[in-house]
Amino acid sequence: MSIKIFHTADLHIGIKYNSYPEPISSALQQSRLDVLEKMVNLANEQECNLFVAAGDLFHNIKGIFARRRCRMVQGI
C-alpha cells in the first residue's frame, strides 16, 4: 500500500506587501491564494491521500480575511 503526500510550507496567506505600490501589492496577496487553490486542485487530481501545510499557512489570523480563508481550506 502506498500513500501519496502533497507537502507545502510557509504560505503566509494574508501577508502585506506595503513596500510595493497598488495594484502590485494586491496582486501579490492574491497570488498566494491562487497558488493554494492550484495546489489543492493538483493534490486532488493526483489523488493524494494527505495534504500537509507545514509552517505558517496564514501570516495573520485576525479579521475577516482569515475567516474567509479558513472556510476555503476546509474543502481540502
N, C-alpha and C. Protein backbone atom coordinates (compact mmCIF):
# COMPACT_ATOMS: atom_id res chain seq x y z
N MET A 1 0.85 -1.18 0.00
CA MET A 1 0.00 0.00 0.00
C MET A 1 0.89 1.24 0.00
N SER A 2 0.59 2.16 -0.88
CA SER A 2 1.36 3.41 -0.92
C SER A 2 0.47 4.58 -0.53
N ILE A 3 1.13 5.62 -0.05
CA ILE A 3 0.43 6.84 0.36
C ILE A 3 1.04 8.00 -0.43
N LYS A 4 0.17 8.79 -1.05
CA LYS A 4 0.62 9.99 -1.75
C LYS A 4 0.45 11.19 -0.83
N ILE A 5 1.54 11.93 -0.66
CA ILE A 5 1.54 13.10 0.22
C ILE A 5 1.87 14.34 -0.61
N PHE A 6 1.05 15.37 -0.46
CA PHE A 6 1.33 16.67 -1.06
C PHE A 6 1.78 17.57 0.08
N HIS A 7 2.97 18.14 -0.05
CA HIS A 7 3.54 18.94 1.04
C HIS A 7 3.84 20.35 0.56
N THR A 8 3.48 21.31 1.39
CA THR A 8 3.83 22.71 1.16
C THR A 8 4.13 23.33 2.51
N ALA A 9 4.72 24.50 2.50
CA ALA A 9 5.06 25.14 3.77
C ALA A 9 5.12 26.65 3.63
N ASP A 10 4.83 27.30 4.74
CA ASP A 10 5.03 28.74 4.91
C ASP A 10 4.43 29.59 3.79
N LEU A 11 3.14 29.41 3.56
CA LEU A 11 2.46 30.22 2.55
C LEU A 11 2.23 31.65 3.01
N HIS A 12 2.06 31.85 4.29
CA HIS A 12 1.86 33.20 4.86
C HIS A 12 0.75 33.96 4.14
N ILE A 13 -0.39 33.32 3.97
CA ILE A 13 -1.53 33.97 3.34
C ILE A 13 -1.95 35.16 4.19
N GLY A 14 -2.15 36.29 3.54
CA GLY A 14 -2.56 37.50 4.24
C GLY A 14 -1.42 38.46 4.53
N ILE A 15 -0.20 38.09 4.15
CA ILE A 15 0.93 38.98 4.38
C ILE A 15 0.74 40.27 3.58
N LYS A 16 1.13 41.36 4.16
CA LYS A 16 1.02 42.67 3.49
C LYS A 16 2.30 42.95 2.72
N TYR A 17 2.15 43.56 1.60
CA TYR A 17 3.28 43.96 0.77
C TYR A 17 3.32 45.49 0.72
N ASN A 18 3.55 46.09 1.87
CA ASN A 18 3.49 47.54 1.99
C ASN A 18 4.58 48.27 1.22
N SER A 19 5.67 47.59 0.92
CA SER A 19 6.75 48.26 0.20
C SER A 19 6.49 48.31 -1.31
N TYR A 20 5.39 47.69 -1.74
CA TYR A 20 5.01 47.70 -3.15
C TYR A 20 3.78 48.58 -3.34
N PRO A 21 3.72 49.31 -4.46
CA PRO A 21 2.54 50.14 -4.72
C PRO A 21 1.37 49.28 -5.17
N GLU A 22 0.18 49.87 -5.06
CA GLU A 22 -1.00 49.23 -5.65
C GLU A 22 -0.90 49.39 -7.16
N PRO A 23 -1.33 48.51 -7.95
CA PRO A 23 -2.03 47.27 -7.63
C PRO A 23 -1.10 46.08 -7.41
N ILE A 24 0.20 46.31 -7.39
CA ILE A 24 1.15 45.19 -7.24
C ILE A 24 0.97 44.48 -5.91
N SER A 25 0.81 45.23 -4.82
CA SER A 25 0.67 44.59 -3.51
C SER A 25 -0.57 43.70 -3.45
N SER A 26 -1.66 44.16 -4.01
CA SER A 26 -2.89 43.34 -4.04
C SER A 26 -2.70 42.10 -4.91
N ALA A 27 -2.02 42.27 -6.02
CA ALA A 27 -1.77 41.13 -6.92
C ALA A 27 -0.90 40.08 -6.24
N LEU A 28 0.08 40.52 -5.47
CA LEU A 28 0.94 39.58 -4.74
C LEU A 28 0.15 38.83 -3.68
N GLN A 29 -0.73 39.54 -2.98
CA GLN A 29 -1.58 38.87 -1.98
C GLN A 29 -2.49 37.84 -2.65
N GLN A 30 -3.09 38.22 -3.75
CA GLN A 30 -4.00 37.32 -4.46
C GLN A 30 -3.25 36.11 -5.01
N SER A 31 -2.01 36.31 -5.42
CA SER A 31 -1.25 35.20 -5.99
C SER A 31 -1.04 34.08 -4.98
N ARG A 32 -0.91 34.40 -3.71
CA ARG A 32 -0.77 33.36 -2.69
C ARG A 32 -2.04 32.52 -2.59
N LEU A 33 -3.18 33.16 -2.69
CA LEU A 33 -4.45 32.43 -2.67
C LEU A 33 -4.61 31.57 -3.93
N ASP A 34 -4.21 32.13 -5.06
CA ASP A 34 -4.30 31.39 -6.31
C ASP A 34 -3.42 30.14 -6.28
N VAL A 35 -2.23 30.28 -5.71
CA VAL A 35 -1.31 29.15 -5.61
C VAL A 35 -1.89 28.07 -4.70
N LEU A 36 -2.48 28.47 -3.59
CA LEU A 36 -3.09 27.49 -2.69
C LEU A 36 -4.20 26.73 -3.41
N GLU A 37 -5.04 27.44 -4.13
CA GLU A 37 -6.12 26.79 -4.87
C GLU A 37 -5.56 25.82 -5.91
N LYS A 38 -4.51 26.23 -6.61
CA LYS A 38 -3.89 25.35 -7.60
C LYS A 38 -3.29 24.11 -6.94
N MET A 39 -2.67 24.29 -5.77
CA MET A 39 -2.09 23.14 -5.07
C MET A 39 -3.18 22.16 -4.63
N VAL A 40 -4.28 22.68 -4.12
CA VAL A 40 -5.39 21.81 -3.70
C VAL A 40 -5.94 21.05 -4.90
N ASN A 41 -6.12 21.75 -6.01
CA ASN A 41 -6.62 21.09 -7.22
C ASN A 41 -5.65 20.02 -7.71
N LEU A 42 -4.36 20.32 -7.69
CA LEU A 42 -3.36 19.36 -8.12
C LEU A 42 -3.33 18.14 -7.20
N ALA A 43 -3.40 18.38 -5.90
CA ALA A 43 -3.42 17.26 -4.94
C ALA A 43 -4.64 16.37 -5.18
N ASN A 44 -5.77 16.98 -5.46
CA ASN A 44 -6.98 16.20 -5.75
C ASN A 44 -6.86 15.45 -7.07
N GLU A 45 -6.32 16.11 -8.09
CA GLU A 45 -6.13 15.45 -9.39
C GLU A 45 -5.19 14.25 -9.27
N GLN A 46 -4.16 14.40 -8.45
CA GLN A 46 -3.18 13.33 -8.26
C GLN A 46 -3.63 12.30 -7.22
N GLU A 47 -4.84 12.49 -6.71
CA GLU A 47 -5.43 11.59 -5.72
C GLU A 47 -4.53 11.39 -4.51
N CYS A 48 -4.03 12.51 -3.99
CA CYS A 48 -3.18 12.45 -2.80
C CYS A 48 -4.00 12.05 -1.59
N ASN A 49 -3.39 11.26 -0.73
CA ASN A 49 -4.06 10.81 0.49
C ASN A 49 -3.93 11.82 1.61
N LEU A 50 -2.92 12.67 1.52
CA LEU A 50 -2.64 13.60 2.61
C LEU A 50 -2.13 14.92 2.03
N PHE A 51 -2.67 16.01 2.52
CA PHE A 51 -2.22 17.36 2.14
C PHE A 51 -1.62 17.98 3.39
N VAL A 52 -0.32 18.23 3.37
CA VAL A 52 0.38 18.77 4.54
C VAL A 52 0.77 20.22 4.25
N ALA A 53 0.32 21.12 5.10
CA ALA A 53 0.71 22.53 5.03
C ALA A 53 1.48 22.82 6.31
N ALA A 54 2.79 22.65 6.25
CA ALA A 54 3.63 22.86 7.42
C ALA A 54 3.96 24.34 7.57
N GLY A 55 4.39 24.71 8.73
CA GLY A 55 4.77 26.10 8.95
C GLY A 55 3.55 27.00 9.04
N ASP A 56 3.70 28.21 8.56
CA ASP A 56 2.65 29.23 8.68
C ASP A 56 1.79 29.26 7.42
N LEU A 57 0.57 28.74 7.54
CA LEU A 57 -0.37 28.84 6.43
C LEU A 57 -0.86 30.28 6.30
N PHE A 58 -1.19 30.89 7.44
CA PHE A 58 -1.64 32.29 7.46
C PHE A 58 -0.58 33.16 8.10
N HIS A 59 -0.41 34.36 7.58
CA HIS A 59 0.52 35.31 8.17
C HIS A 59 -0.08 35.95 9.40
N ASN A 60 -1.39 36.20 9.33
CA ASN A 60 -2.10 36.86 10.43
C ASN A 60 -3.49 36.25 10.48
N ILE A 61 -3.89 35.77 11.64
CA ILE A 61 -5.19 35.10 11.74
C ILE A 61 -6.31 36.04 12.17
N LYS A 62 -6.04 37.31 12.25
CA LYS A 62 -7.05 38.28 12.68
C LYS A 62 -7.93 38.69 11.51
N GLY A 63 -9.16 39.01 11.83
CA GLY A 63 -10.05 39.65 10.87
C GLY A 63 -10.78 38.70 9.95
N ILE A 64 -11.61 39.30 9.14
CA ILE A 64 -12.47 38.54 8.24
C ILE A 64 -11.67 37.84 7.16
N PHE A 65 -10.54 38.42 6.79
CA PHE A 65 -9.71 37.80 5.75
C PHE A 65 -9.38 36.37 6.14
N ALA A 66 -8.93 36.17 7.35
CA ALA A 66 -8.56 34.83 7.81
C ALA A 66 -9.78 33.92 7.89
N ARG A 67 -10.90 34.43 8.34
CA ARG A 67 -12.10 33.59 8.44
C ARG A 67 -12.54 33.09 7.07
N ARG A 68 -12.49 33.96 6.07
CA ARG A 68 -12.86 33.55 4.72
C ARG A 68 -11.91 32.48 4.21
N ARG A 69 -10.63 32.65 4.49
CA ARG A 69 -9.64 31.69 4.01
C ARG A 69 -9.76 30.36 4.74
N CYS A 70 -10.12 30.40 6.01
CA CYS A 70 -10.32 29.15 6.75
C CYS A 70 -11.44 28.34 6.10
N ARG A 71 -12.50 29.02 5.69
CA ARG A 71 -13.59 28.32 5.01
C ARG A 71 -13.11 27.72 3.70
N MET A 72 -12.20 28.42 3.02
CA MET A 72 -11.69 27.93 1.76
C MET A 72 -10.87 26.65 1.96
N VAL A 73 -10.00 26.62 2.96
CA VAL A 73 -9.15 25.45 3.14
C VAL A 73 -9.88 24.29 3.79
N GLN A 74 -11.06 24.51 4.32
CA GLN A 74 -11.83 23.40 4.88
C GLN A 74 -12.21 22.40 3.79
N GLY A 75 -12.24 22.86 2.56
CA GLY A 75 -12.58 21.97 1.45
C GLY A 75 -11.44 21.07 1.00
N ILE A 76 -10.30 21.21 1.61
CA ILE A 76 -9.14 20.40 1.23
C ILE A 76 -9.36 18.96 1.65
